[in-house]
Amino acid sequence: MDVENFSINLTSEEPDRLIGFYRDVVGLPQHDGMGPGAFKAGAATLFVDGHSDTKGGAKEPHRVLINFKVNAVAAEQKRLEAAGAKFIRKEGKQEWGGVISTFTDPDGNYLQILEWKQ
């Protein structure tokens, strides 16, 4: 497979609430020309939208982990907490050398900020 682009489509019963979270709390820049629920996440795009079959919060929030690689987990975690993000794991050191903090969005999906320096 020769992949030209990568995106994640995250659906919600309340997409406007999630759009506000990813824009205002996480601080992802919106992807110009693709609608209010399209965000740039590095080289990928995160789409937030509604879906008629999506009801309630995430049933298995650990099934899909959305990772954001950052330069400084501690600083990003502090900024996110000040903006209202709720962390369920803080600066967990990994055996492979990385550091991960896990937080949730309003639907209960797990998001992770990841720091790894080779």
PDB file of N, CA and C in Angstrom:
ATOM      1  N   MET A   1       0.840  -1.172   0.000  1.00  0.00           N
ATOM      2  CA  MET A   1       0.000   0.000   0.000  1.00  0.00           C
ATOM      3  C   MET A   1       0.891   1.243   0.000  1.00  0.00           C
ATOM      4  N   ASP A   2       0.605   2.142  -0.886  1.00  0.00           N
ATOM      5  CA  ASP A   2       1.335   3.408  -0.983  1.00  0.00           C
ATOM      6  C   ASP A   2       0.415   4.518  -0.467  1.00  0.00           C
ATOM      7  N   VAL A   3       0.536   4.829   0.824  1.00  0.00           N
ATOM      8  CA  VAL A   3      -0.352   5.793   1.475  1.00  0.00           C
ATOM      9  C   VAL A   3       0.140   7.207   1.196  1.00  0.00           C
ATOM     10  N   GLU A   4      -0.737   8.039   0.685  1.00  0.00           N
ATOM     11  CA  GLU A   4      -0.392   9.427   0.385  1.00  0.00           C
ATOM     12  C   GLU A   4      -0.676  10.367   1.550  1.00  0.00           C
ATOM     13  N   ASN A   5      -1.626   9.976   2.408  1.00  0.00           N
ATOM     14  CA  ASN A   5      -2.025  10.827   3.518  1.00  0.00           C
ATOM     15  C   ASN A   5      -2.627   9.931   4.588  1.00  0.00           C
ATOM     16  N   PHE A   6      -2.720  10.444   5.800  1.00  0.00           N
ATOM     17  CA  PHE A   6      -3.327   9.688   6.882  1.00  0.00           C
ATOM     18  C   PHE A   6      -4.269  10.603   7.643  1.00  0.00           C
ATOM     19  N   SER A   7      -5.459  10.090   7.949  1.00  0.00           N
ATOM     20  CA  SER A   7      -6.412  10.865   8.739  1.00  0.00           C
ATOM     21  C   SER A   7      -7.165   9.936   9.669  1.00  0.00           C
ATOM     22  N   ILE A   8      -7.721  10.529  10.707  1.00  0.00           N
ATOM     23  CA  ILE A   8      -8.564   9.820  11.658  1.00  0.00           C
ATOM     24  C   ILE A   8      -9.910  10.534  11.644  1.00  0.00           C
ATOM     25  N   ASN A   9     -10.994   9.772  11.540  1.00  0.00           N
ATOM     26  CA  ASN A   9     -12.336  10.332  11.592  1.00  0.00           C
ATOM     27  C   ASN A   9     -12.943   9.916  12.921  1.00  0.00           C
ATOM     28  N   LEU A  10     -13.078  10.871  13.830  1.00  0.00           N
ATOM     29  CA  LEU A  10     -13.594  10.640  15.171  1.00  0.00           C
ATOM     30  C   LEU A  10     -15.040  11.124  15.210  1.00  0.00           C
ATOM     31  N   THR A  11     -15.982  10.196  15.431  1.00  0.00           N
ATOM     32  CA  THR A  11     -17.389  10.584  15.413  1.00  0.00           C
ATOM     33  C   THR A  11     -17.946  10.702  16.828  1.00  0.00           C
ATOM     34  N   SER A  12     -18.976  11.507  16.949  1.00  0.00           N
ATOM     35  CA  SER A  12     -19.574  11.780  18.244  1.00  0.00           C
ATOM     36  C   SER A  12     -21.059  12.053  18.089  1.00  0.00           C
ATOM     37  N   GLU A  13     -21.803  11.783  19.141  1.00  0.00           N
ATOM     38  CA  GLU A  13     -23.205  12.170  19.189  1.00  0.00           C
ATOM     39  C   GLU A  13     -23.320  13.692  19.336  1.00  0.00           C
ATOM     40  N   GLU A  14     -22.266  14.305  19.886  1.00  0.00           N
ATOM     41  CA  GLU A  14     -22.217  15.754  20.074  1.00  0.00           C
ATOM     42  C   GLU A  14     -20.934  16.320  19.447  1.00  0.00           C
ATOM     43  N   PRO A  15     -20.862  16.343  18.117  1.00  0.00           N
ATOM     44  CA  PRO A  15     -19.617  16.755  17.466  1.00  0.00           C
ATOM     45  C   PRO A  15     -19.197  18.188  17.773  1.00  0.00           C
ATOM     46  N   ASP A  16     -20.135  19.100  17.955  1.00  0.00           N
ATOM     47  CA  ASP A  16     -19.747  20.488  18.241  1.00  0.00           C
ATOM     48  C   ASP A  16     -18.974  20.603  19.551  1.00  0.00           C
ATOM     49  N   ARG A  17     -19.352  19.795  20.539  1.00  0.00           N
ATOM     50  CA  ARG A  17     -18.635  19.787  21.818  1.00  0.00           C
ATOM     51  C   ARG A  17     -17.200  19.295  21.627  1.00  0.00           C
ATOM     52  N   LEU A  18     -17.031  18.233  20.830  1.00  0.00           N
ATOM     53  CA  LEU A  18     -15.679  17.718  20.574  1.00  0.00           C
ATOM     54  C   LEU A  18     -14.860  18.681  19.725  1.00  0.00           C
ATOM     55  N   ILE A  19     -15.483  19.298  18.748  1.00  0.00           N
ATOM     56  CA  ILE A  19     -14.768  20.275  17.920  1.00  0.00           C
ATOM     57  C   ILE A  19     -14.210  21.379  18.800  1.00  0.00           C
ATOM     58  N   GLY A  20     -15.019  21.899  19.712  1.00  0.00           N
ATOM     59  CA  GLY A  20     -14.542  22.922  20.631  1.00  0.00           C
ATOM     60  C   GLY A  20     -13.398  22.440  21.504  1.00  0.00           C
ATOM     61  N   PHE A  21     -13.464  21.203  21.964  1.00  0.00           N
ATOM     62  CA  PHE A  21     -12.407  20.644  22.798  1.00  0.00           C
ATOM     63  C   PHE A  21     -11.082  20.564  22.034  1.00  0.00           C
ATOM     64  N   TYR A  22     -11.112  20.000  20.833  1.00  0.00           N
ATOM     65  CA  TYR A  22      -9.869  19.849  20.064  1.00  0.00           C
ATOM     66  C   TYR A  22      -9.310  21.197  19.608  1.00  0.00           C
ATOM     67  N   ARG A  23     -10.176  22.154  19.378  1.00  0.00           N
ATOM     68  CA  ARG A  23      -9.743  23.496  18.989  1.00  0.00           C
ATOM     69  C   ARG A  23      -9.261  24.296  20.197  1.00  0.00           C
ATOM     70  N   ASP A  24     -10.070  24.368  21.257  1.00  0.00           N
ATOM     71  CA  ASP A  24      -9.813  25.289  22.363  1.00  0.00           C
ATOM     72  C   ASP A  24      -8.967  24.708  23.493  1.00  0.00           C
ATOM     73  N   VAL A  25      -9.100  23.428  23.777  1.00  0.00           N
ATOM     74  CA  VAL A  25      -8.340  22.808  24.872  1.00  0.00           C
ATOM     75  C   VAL A  25      -7.056  22.178  24.345  1.00  0.00           C
ATOM     76  N   VAL A  26      -7.190  21.277  23.383  1.00  0.00           N
ATOM     77  CA  VAL A  26      -5.994  20.634  22.825  1.00  0.00           C
ATOM     78  C   VAL A  26      -5.164  21.646  22.050  1.00  0.00           C
ATOM     79  N   GLY A  27      -5.834  22.553  21.347  1.00  0.00           N
ATOM     80  CA  GLY A  27      -5.120  23.596  20.619  1.00  0.00           C
ATOM     81  C   GLY A  27      -4.662  23.195  19.236  1.00  0.00           C
ATOM     82  N   LEU A  28      -5.360  22.238  18.627  1.00  0.00           N
ATOM     83  CA  LEU A  28      -4.991  21.847  17.262  1.00  0.00           C
ATOM     84  C   LEU A  28      -5.441  22.932  16.290  1.00  0.00           C
ATOM     85  N   PRO A  29      -4.609  23.258  15.314  1.00  0.00           N
ATOM     86  CA  PRO A  29      -5.019  24.239  14.303  1.00  0.00           C
ATOM     87  C   PRO A  29      -6.022  23.614  13.333  1.00  0.00           C
ATOM     88  N   GLN A  30      -6.989  24.405  12.936  1.00  0.00           N
ATOM     89  CA  GLN A  30      -7.968  23.906  11.987  1.00  0.00           C
ATOM     90  C   GLN A  30      -7.347  23.800  10.599  1.00  0.00           C
ATOM     91  N   HIS A  31      -7.817  22.807   9.864  1.00  0.00           N
ATOM     92  CA  HIS A  31      -7.329  22.550   8.510  1.00  0.00           C
ATOM     93  C   HIS A  31      -8.152  23.411   7.561  1.00  0.00           C
ATOM     94  N   ASP A  32      -7.543  24.451   7.008  1.00  0.00           N
ATOM     95  CA  ASP A  32      -8.245  25.406   6.153  1.00  0.00           C
ATOM     96  C   ASP A  32      -8.975  24.729   5.007  1.00  0.00           C
ATOM     97  N   GLY A  33     -10.203  25.167   4.792  1.00  0.00           N
ATOM     98  CA  GLY A  33     -10.971  24.707   3.650  1.00  0.00           C
ATOM     99  C   GLY A  33     -11.616  23.345   3.813  1.00  0.00           C
ATOM    100  N   MET A  34     -11.507  22.747   4.999  1.00  0.00           N
ATOM    101  CA  MET A  34     -12.045  21.398   5.181  1.00  0.00           C
ATOM    102  C   MET A  34     -13.169  21.349   6.207  1.00  0.00           C
ATOM    103  N   GLY A  35     -13.660  22.511   6.646  1.00  0.00           N
ATOM    104  CA  GLY A  35     -14.754  22.558   7.609  1.00  0.00           C
ATOM    105  C   GLY A  35     -14.249  22.720   9.031  1.00  0.00           C
ATOM    106  N   PRO A  36     -15.152  23.069   9.954  1.00  0.00           N
ATOM    107  CA  PRO A  36     -14.754  23.371  11.326  1.00  0.00           C
ATOM    108  C   PRO A  36     -14.262  22.169  12.118  1.00  0.00           C
ATOM    109  N   GLY A  37     -14.578  20.948  11.680  1.00  0.00           N
ATOM    110  CA  GLY A  37     -14.157  19.751  12.403  1.00  0.00           C
ATOM    111  C   GLY A  37     -12.900  19.102  11.864  1.00  0.00           C
ATOM    112  N   ALA A  38     -12.150  19.806  11.029  1.00  0.00           N
ATOM    113  CA  ALA A  38     -10.917  19.252  10.469  1.00  0.00           C
ATOM    114  C   ALA A  38      -9.724  19.952  11.104  1.00  0.00           C
ATOM    115  N   PHE A  39      -8.827  19.159  11.683  1.00  0.00           N
ATOM    116  CA  PHE A  39      -7.675  19.697  12.399  1.00  0.00           C
ATOM    117  C   PHE A  39      -6.373  19.101  11.881  1.00  0.00           C
ATOM    118  N   LYS A  40      -5.337  19.924  11.862  1.00  0.00           N
ATOM    119  CA  LYS A  40      -3.998  19.460  11.531  1.00  0.00           C
ATOM    120  C   LYS A  40      -3.382  18.849  12.782  1.00  0.00           C
ATOM    121  N   ALA A  41      -2.806  17.685  12.620  1.00  0.00           N
ATOM    122  CA  ALA A  41      -2.089  17.003  13.705  1.00  0.00           C
ATOM    123  C   ALA A  41      -0.802  16.456  13.109  1.00  0.00           C
ATOM    124  N   GLY A  42       0.227  17.300  13.075  1.00  0.00           N
ATOM    125  CA  GLY A  42       1.446  16.923  12.372  1.00  0.00           C
ATOM    126  C   GLY A  42       1.142  16.785  10.900  1.00  0.00           C
ATOM    127  N   ALA A  43       1.537  15.660  10.309  1.00  0.00           N
ATOM    128  CA  ALA A  43       1.278  15.415   8.892  1.00  0.00           C
ATOM    129  C   ALA A  43      -0.087  14.776   8.660  1.00  0.00           C
ATOM    130  N   ALA A  44      -0.809  14.485   9.730  1.00  0.00           N
ATOM    131  CA  ALA A  44      -2.115  13.839   9.624  1.00  0.00           C
ATOM    132  C   ALA A  44      -3.241  14.857   9.803  1.00  0.00           C
ATOM    133  N   THR A  45      -4.459  14.406   9.544  1.00  0.00           N
ATOM    134  CA  THR A  45      -5.640  15.219   9.760  1.00  0.00           C
ATOM    135  C   THR A  45      -6.569  14.469  10.703  1.00  0.00           C
ATOM    136  N   LEU A  46      -7.093  15.182  11.690  1.00  0.00           N
ATOM    137  CA  LEU A  46      -8.092  14.636  12.590  1.00  0.00           C
ATOM    138  C   LEU A  46      -9.425  15.275  12.227  1.00  0.00           C
ATOM    139  N   PHE A  47     -10.388  14.447  11.815  1.00  0.00           N
ATOM    140  CA  PHE A  47     -11.724  14.918  11.498  1.00  0.00           C
ATOM    141  C   PHE A  47     -12.651  14.589  12.662  1.00  0.00           C
ATOM    142  N   VAL A  48     -13.417  15.563  13.124  1.00  0.00           N
ATOM    143  CA  VAL A  48     -14.434  15.347  14.153  1.00  0.00           C
ATOM    144  C   VAL A  48     -15.778  15.627  13.510  1.00  0.00           C
ATOM    145  N   ASP A  49     -16.680  14.650  13.611  1.00  0.00           N
ATOM    146  CA  ASP A  49     -17.965  14.775  12.941  1.00  0.00           C
ATOM    147  C   ASP A  49     -19.011  13.956  13.694  1.00  0.00           C
ATOM    148  N   GLY A  50     -20.244  14.127  13.339  1.00  0.00           N
ATOM    149  CA  GLY A  50     -21.325  13.323  13.890  1.00  0.00           C
ATOM    150  C   GLY A  50     -21.530  12.075  13.052  1.00  0.00           C
ATOM    151  N   HIS A  51     -22.221  11.119  13.624  1.00  0.00           N
ATOM    152  CA  HIS A  51     -22.584   9.900  12.899  1.00  0.00           C
ATOM    153  C   HIS A  51     -23.861   9.371  13.523  1.00  0.00           C
ATOM    154  N   SER A  52     -24.808   8.963  12.700  1.00  0.00           N
ATOM    155  CA  SER A  52     -26.120   8.535  13.206  1.00  0.00           C
ATOM    156  C   SER A  52     -26.038   7.310  14.122  1.00  0.00           C
ATOM    157  N   ASP A  53     -25.004   6.492  13.993  1.00  0.00           N
ATOM    158  CA  ASP A  53     -24.872   5.298  14.833  1.00  0.00           C
ATOM    159  C   ASP A  53     -24.036   5.525  16.087  1.00  0.00           C
ATOM    160  N   THR A  54     -23.461   6.698  16.255  1.00  0.00           N
ATOM    161  CA  THR A  54     -22.640   6.982  17.436  1.00  0.00           C
ATOM    162  C   THR A  54     -23.540   7.525  18.536  1.00  0.00           C
ATOM    163  N   LYS A  55     -23.598   6.790  19.640  1.00  0.00           N
ATOM    164  CA  LYS A  55     -24.436   7.176  20.778  1.00  0.00           C
ATOM    165  C   LYS A  55     -23.604   7.095  22.064  1.00  0.00           C
ATOM    166  N   GLY A  56     -23.680   8.135  22.880  1.00  0.00           N
ATOM    167  CA  GLY A  56     -23.002   8.123  24.173  1.00  0.00           C
ATOM    168  C   GLY A  56     -21.490   8.242  24.062  1.00  0.00           C
ATOM    169  N   GLY A  57     -20.830   7.954  25.175  1.00  0.00           N
ATOM    170  CA  GLY A  57     -19.376   8.059  25.238  1.00  0.00           C
ATOM    171  C   GLY A  57     -18.679   6.817  24.704  1.00  0.00           C
ATOM    172  N   ALA A  58     -17.359   6.874  24.687  1.00  0.00           N
ATOM    173  CA  ALA A  58     -16.541   5.765  24.203  1.00  0.00           C
ATOM    174  C   ALA A  58     -16.771   4.528  25.071  1.00  0.00           C
ATOM    175  N   LYS A  59     -17.070   3.397  24.458  1.00  0.00           N
ATOM    176  CA  LYS A  59     -17.339   2.158  25.192  1.00  0.00           C
ATOM    177  C   LYS A  59     -16.051   1.457  25.622  1.00  0.00           C
ATOM    178  N   GLU A  60     -15.029   1.525  24.800  1.00  0.00           N
ATOM    179  CA  GLU A  60     -13.713   0.954  25.093  1.00  0.00           C
ATOM    180  C   GLU A  60     -12.664   2.009  24.734  1.00  0.00           C
ATOM    181  N   PRO A  61     -12.490   3.020  25.582  1.00  0.00           N
ATOM    182  CA  PRO A  61     -11.624   4.146  25.218  1.00  0.00           C
ATOM    183  C   PRO A  61     -10.162   3.781  25.004  1.00  0.00           C
ATOM    184  N   HIS A  62      -9.744   2.645  25.510  1.00  0.00           N
ATOM    185  CA  HIS A  62      -8.366   2.201  25.335  1.00  0.00           C
ATOM    186  C   HIS A  62      -8.149   1.472  24.004  1.00  0.00           C
ATOM    187  N   ARG A  63      -9.220   1.187  23.277  1.00  0.00           N
ATOM    188  CA  ARG A  63      -9.088   0.425  22.029  1.00  0.00           C
ATOM    189  C   ARG A  63      -8.303   1.193  20.968  1.00  0.00           C
ATOM    190  N   VAL A  64      -8.586   2.483  20.831  1.00  0.00           N
ATOM    191  CA  VAL A  64      -7.862   3.337  19.887  1.00  0.00           C
ATOM    192  C   VAL A  64      -7.265   4.487  20.684  1.00  0.00           C
ATOM    193  N   LEU A  65      -5.952   4.588  20.680  1.00  0.00           N
ATOM    194  CA  LEU A  65      -5.261   5.659  21.393  1.00  0.00           C
ATOM    195  C   LEU A  65      -4.749   6.657  20.365  1.00  0.00           C
ATOM    196  N   ILE A  66      -5.155   7.904  20.505  1.00  0.00           N
ATOM    197  CA  ILE A  66      -4.669   8.947  19.603  1.00  0.00           C
ATOM    198  C   ILE A  66      -3.460   9.577  20.267  1.00  0.00           C
ATOM    199  N   ASN A  67      -2.310   9.459  19.617  1.00  0.00           N
ATOM    200  CA  ASN A  67      -1.047   9.936  20.168  1.00  0.00           C
ATOM    201  C   ASN A  67      -0.602  11.220  19.481  1.00  0.00           C
ATOM    202  N   PHE A  68      -0.176  12.176  20.303  1.00  0.00           N
ATOM    203  CA  PHE A  68       0.397  13.420  19.813  1.00  0.00           C
ATOM    204  C   PHE A  68       1.833  13.483  20.319  1.00  0.00           C
ATOM    205  N   LYS A  69       2.790  13.338  19.412  1.00  0.00           N
ATOM    206  CA  LYS A  69       4.195  13.428  19.814  1.00  0.00           C
ATOM    207  C   LYS A  69       4.549  14.904  19.990  1.00  0.00           C
ATOM    208  N   VAL A  70       5.100  15.216  21.172  1.00  0.00           N
ATOM    209  CA  VAL A  70       5.447  16.591  21.516  1.00  0.00           C
ATOM    210  C   VAL A  70       6.896  16.638  21.995  1.00  0.00           C
ATOM    211  N   ASN A  71       7.453  17.843  22.079  1.00  0.00           N
ATOM    212  CA  ASN A  71       8.834  17.991  22.540  1.00  0.00           C
ATOM    213  C   ASN A  71       8.970  17.907  24.043  1.00  0.00           C
ATOM    214  N   ALA A  72       7.935  18.324  24.788  1.00  0.00           N
ATOM    215  CA  ALA A  72       8.027  18.351  26.248  1.00  0.00           C
ATOM    216  C   ALA A  72       6.674  17.972  26.850  1.00  0.00           C
ATOM    217  N   VAL A  73       6.552  16.732  27.293  1.00  0.00           N
ATOM    218  CA  VAL A  73       5.303  16.247  27.869  1.00  0.00           C
ATOM    219  C   VAL A  73       4.893  17.077  29.079  1.00  0.00           C
ATOM    220  N   ALA A  74       5.820  17.360  29.991  1.00  0.00           N
ATOM    221  CA  ALA A  74       5.478  18.076  31.226  1.00  0.00           C
ATOM    222  C   ALA A  74       4.860  19.440  30.923  1.00  0.00           C
ATOM    223  N   ALA A  75       5.449  20.167  29.999  1.00  0.00           N
ATOM    224  CA  ALA A  75       4.938  21.500  29.658  1.00  0.00           C
ATOM    225  C   ALA A  75       3.573  21.408  28.985  1.00  0.00           C
ATOM    226  N   GLU A  76       3.399  20.464  28.066  1.00  0.00           N
ATOM    227  CA  GLU A  76       2.104  20.301  27.388  1.00  0.00           C
ATOM    228  C   GLU A  76       1.033  19.845  28.371  1.00  0.00           C
ATOM    229  N   GLN A  77       1.405  18.949  29.286  1.00  0.00           N
ATOM    230  CA  GLN A  77       0.439  18.483  30.274  1.00  0.00           C
ATOM    231  C   GLN A  77      -0.023  19.645  31.152  1.00  0.00           C
ATOM    232  N   LYS A  78       0.889  20.473  31.571  1.00  0.00           N
ATOM    233  CA  LYS A  78       0.545  21.634  32.399  1.00  0.00           C
ATOM    234  C   LYS A  78      -0.407  22.568  31.638  1.00  0.00           C
ATOM    235  N   ARG A  79      -0.105  22.830  30.362  1.00  0.00           N
ATOM    236  CA  ARG A  79      -0.953  23.701  29.541  1.00  0.00           C
ATOM    237  C   ARG A  79      -2.334  23.099  29.361  1.00  0.00           C
ATOM    238  N   LEU A  80      -2.394  21.806  29.069  1.00  0.00           N
ATOM    239  CA  LEU A  80      -3.673  21.128  28.855  1.00  0.00           C
ATOM    240  C   LEU A  80      -4.511  21.091  30.135  1.00  0.00           C
ATOM    241  N   GLU A  81      -3.885  20.823  31.266  1.00  0.00           N
ATOM    242  CA  GLU A  81      -4.613  20.816  32.539  1.00  0.00           C
ATOM    243  C   GLU A  81      -5.183  22.196  32.843  1.00  0.00           C
ATOM    244  N   ALA A  82      -4.407  23.234  32.579  1.00  0.00           N
ATOM    245  CA  ALA A  82      -4.882  24.604  32.808  1.00  0.00           C
ATOM    246  C   ALA A  82      -6.068  24.925  31.906  1.00  0.00           C
ATOM    247  N   ALA A  83      -6.136  24.295  30.728  1.00  0.00           N
ATOM    248  CA  ALA A  83      -7.241  24.511  29.785  1.00  0.00           C
ATOM    249  C   ALA A  83      -8.447  23.628  30.100  1.00  0.00           C
ATOM    250  N   GLY A  84      -8.297  22.716  31.071  1.00  0.00           N
ATOM    251  CA  GLY A  84      -9.429  21.890  31.481  1.00  0.00           C
ATOM    252  C   GLY A  84      -9.350  20.421  31.139  1.00  0.00           C
ATOM    253  N   ALA A  85      -8.258  19.955  30.535  1.00  0.00           N
ATOM    254  CA  ALA A  85      -8.128  18.535  30.200  1.00  0.00           C
ATOM    255  C   ALA A  85      -7.974  17.707  31.473  1.00  0.00           C
ATOM    256  N   LYS A  86      -8.593  16.534  31.482  1.00  0.00           N
ATOM    257  CA  LYS A  86      -8.532  15.610  32.617  1.00  0.00           C
ATOM    258  C   LYS A  86      -7.586  14.461  32.288  1.00  0.00           C
ATOM    259  N   PHE A  87      -6.518  14.344  33.069  1.00  0.00           N
ATOM    260  CA  PHE A  87      -5.517  13.297  32.856  1.00  0.00           C
ATOM    261  C   PHE A  87      -5.817  12.076  33.710  1.00  0.00           C
ATOM    262  N   ILE A  88      -5.632  10.907  33.108  1.00  0.00           N
ATOM    263  CA  ILE A  88      -5.791   9.655  33.843  1.00  0.00           C
ATOM    264  C   ILE A  88      -4.439   8.989  34.092  1.00  0.00           C
ATOM    265  N   ARG A  89      -3.400   9.495  33.442  1.00  0.00           N
ATOM    266  CA  ARG A  89      -2.039   9.000  33.643  1.00  0.00           C
ATOM    267  C   ARG A  89      -1.105  10.165  33.385  1.00  0.00           C
ATOM    268  N   LYS A  90      -0.150  10.366  34.293  1.00  0.00           N
ATOM    269  CA  LYS A  90       0.742  11.511  34.170  1.00  0.00           C
ATOM    270  C   LYS A  90       2.197  11.078  34.081  1.00  0.00           C
ATOM    271  N   GLU A  91       2.833  11.475  33.002  1.00  0.00           N
ATOM    272  CA  GLU A  91       4.259  11.279  32.767  1.00  0.00           C
ATOM    273  C   GLU A  91       4.756   9.869  33.106  1.00  0.00           C
ATOM    274  N   GLY A  92       4.091   8.892  32.517  1.00  0.00           N
ATOM    275  CA  GLY A  92       4.507   7.499  32.701  1.00  0.00           C
ATOM    276  C   GLY A  92       5.746   7.200  31.877  1.00  0.00           C
ATOM    277  N   LYS A  93       6.792   6.783  32.548  1.00  0.00           N
ATOM    278  CA  LYS A  93       8.042   6.447  31.857  1.00  0.00           C
ATOM    279  C   LYS A  93       7.930   5.037  31.282  1.00  0.00           C
ATOM    280  N   GLN A  94       8.300   4.905  30.017  1.00  0.00           N
ATOM    281  CA  GLN A  94       8.198   3.644  29.302  1.00  0.00           C
ATOM    282  C   GLN A  94       9.549   2.928  29.253  1.00  0.00           C
ATOM    283  N   GLU A  95       9.510   1.610  29.186  1.00  0.00           N
ATOM    284  CA  GLU A  95      10.759   0.830  29.142  1.00  0.00           C
ATOM    285  C   GLU A  95      11.597   1.135  27.902  1.00  0.00           C
ATOM    286  N   TRP A  96      10.975   1.644  26.842  1.00  0.00           N
ATOM    287  CA  TRP A  96      11.694   1.967  25.606  1.00  0.00           C
ATOM    288  C   TRP A  96      12.237   3.394  25.611  1.00  0.00           C
ATOM    289  N   GLY A  97      12.047   4.121  26.734  1.00  0.00           N
ATOM    290  CA  GLY A  97      12.657   5.435  26.871  1.00  0.00           C
ATOM    291  C   GLY A  97      11.730   6.620  26.711  1.00  0.00           C
ATOM    292  N   GLY A  98      10.505   6.399  26.317  1.00  0.00           N
ATOM    293  CA  GLY A  98       9.569   7.495  26.131  1.00  0.00           C
ATOM    294  C   GLY A  98       8.825   7.846  27.410  1.00  0.00           C
ATOM    295  N   VAL A  99       8.109   8.957  27.354  1.00  0.00           N
ATOM    296  CA  VAL A  99       7.263   9.403  28.457  1.00  0.00           C
ATOM    297  C   VAL A  99       5.876   9.671  27.875  1.00  0.00           C
ATOM    298  N   ILE A 100       4.835   9.145  28.536  1.00  0.00           N
ATOM    299  CA  ILE A 100       3.473   9.279  28.028  1.00  0.00           C
ATOM    300  C   ILE A 100       2.553   9.769  29.147  1.00  0.00           C
ATOM    301  N   SER A 101       1.718  10.745  28.807  1.00  0.00           N
ATOM    302  CA  SER A 101       0.623  11.168  29.671  1.00  0.00           C
ATOM    303  C   SER A 101      -0.670  10.957  28.894  1.00  0.00           C
ATOM    304  N   THR A 102      -1.686  10.436  29.565  1.00  0.00           N
ATOM    305  CA  THR A 102      -2.957  10.106  28.919  1.00  0.00           C
ATOM    306  C   THR A 102      -4.073  10.970  29.499  1.00  0.00           C
ATOM    307  N   PHE A 103      -4.870  11.556  28.602  1.00  0.00           N
ATOM    308  CA  PHE A 103      -6.015  12.353  29.021  1.00  0.00           C
ATOM    309  C   PHE A 103      -7.228  11.961  28.187  1.00  0.00           C
ATOM    310  N   THR A 104      -8.390  12.483  28.563  1.00  0.00           N
ATOM    311  CA  THR A 104      -9.622  12.113  27.874  1.00  0.00           C
ATOM    312  C   THR A 104     -10.268  13.330  27.229  1.00  0.00           C
ATOM    313  N   ASP A 105     -11.007  13.063  26.156  1.00  0.00           N
ATOM    314  CA  ASP A 105     -11.828  14.125  25.560  1.00  0.00           C
ATOM    315  C   ASP A 105     -13.229  14.032  26.168  1.00  0.00           C
ATOM    316  N   PRO A 106     -14.143  14.939  25.839  1.00  0.00           N
ATOM    317  CA  PRO A 106     -15.477  14.920  26.451  1.00  0.00           C
ATOM    318  C   PRO A 106     -16.286  13.651  26.204  1.00  0.00           C
ATOM    319  N   ASP A 107     -15.960  12.877  25.170  1.00  0.00           N
ATOM    320  CA  ASP A 107     -16.641  11.609  24.916  1.00  0.00           C
ATOM    321  C   ASP A 107     -15.958  10.432  25.604  1.00  0.00           C
ATOM    322  N   GLY A 108     -14.840  10.693  26.285  1.00  0.00           N
ATOM    323  CA  GLY A 108     -14.136   9.631  26.991  1.00  0.00           C
ATOM    324  C   GLY A 108     -13.061   8.935  26.184  1.00  0.00           C
ATOM    325  N   ASN A 109     -12.793   9.384  24.955  1.00  0.00           N
ATOM    326  CA  ASN A 109     -11.715   8.804  24.158  1.00  0.00           C
ATOM    327  C   ASN A 109     -10.382   9.105  24.826  1.00  0.00           C
ATOM    328  N   TYR A 110      -9.447   8.156  24.740  1.00  0.00           N
ATOM    329  CA  TYR A 110      -8.120   8.348  25.313  1.00  0.00           C
ATOM    330  C   TYR A 110      -7.200   9.023  24.300  1.00  0.00           C
ATOM    331  N   LEU A 111      -6.535  10.064  24.757  1.00  0.00           N
ATOM    332  CA  LEU A 111      -5.546  10.792  23.964  1.00  0.00           C
ATOM    333  C   LEU A 111      -4.249  10.761  24.749  1.00  0.00           C
ATOM    334  N   GLN A 112      -3.146  10.701  24.051  1.00  0.00           N
ATOM    335  CA  GLN A 112      -1.863  10.651  24.734  1.00  0.00           C
ATOM    336  C   GLN A 112      -0.912  11.681  24.160  1.00  0.00           C
ATOM    337  N   ILE A 113      -0.180  12.330  25.047  1.00  0.00           N
ATOM    338  CA  ILE A 113       0.947  13.131  24.600  1.00  0.00           C
ATOM    339  C   ILE A 113       2.183  12.292  24.898  1.00  0.00           C
ATOM    340  N   LEU A 114       3.065  12.269  23.945  1.00  0.00           N
ATOM    341  CA  LEU A 114       4.210  11.369  23.967  1.00  0.00           C
ATOM    342  C   LEU A 114       5.480  12.149  23.707  1.00  0.00           C
ATOM    343  N   GLU A 115       6.475  11.923  24.545  1.00  0.00           N
ATOM    344  CA  GLU A 115       7.803  12.518  24.340  1.00  0.00           C
ATOM    345  C   GLU A 115       8.804  11.371  24.187  1.00  0.00           C
ATOM    346  N   TRP A 116       9.594  11.466  23.141  1.00  0.00           N
ATOM    347  CA  TRP A 116      10.608  10.438  22.930  1.00  0.00           C
ATOM    348  C   TRP A 116      11.772  11.071  22.211  1.00  0.00           C
ATOM    349  N   LYS A 117      12.909  11.018  22.856  1.00  0.00           N
ATOM    350  CA  LYS A 117      14.130  11.558  22.266  1.00  0.00           C
ATOM    351  C   LYS A 117      15.101  10.420  22.085  1.00  0.00           C
ATOM    352  N   GLN A 118      15.565  10.246  20.864  1.00  0.00           N
ATOM    353  CA  GLN A 118      16.503   9.158  20.573  1.00  0.00           C
ATOM    354  C   GLN A 118      17.877   9.463  21.097  1.00  0.00           C
TER     355      GLN A 118
END
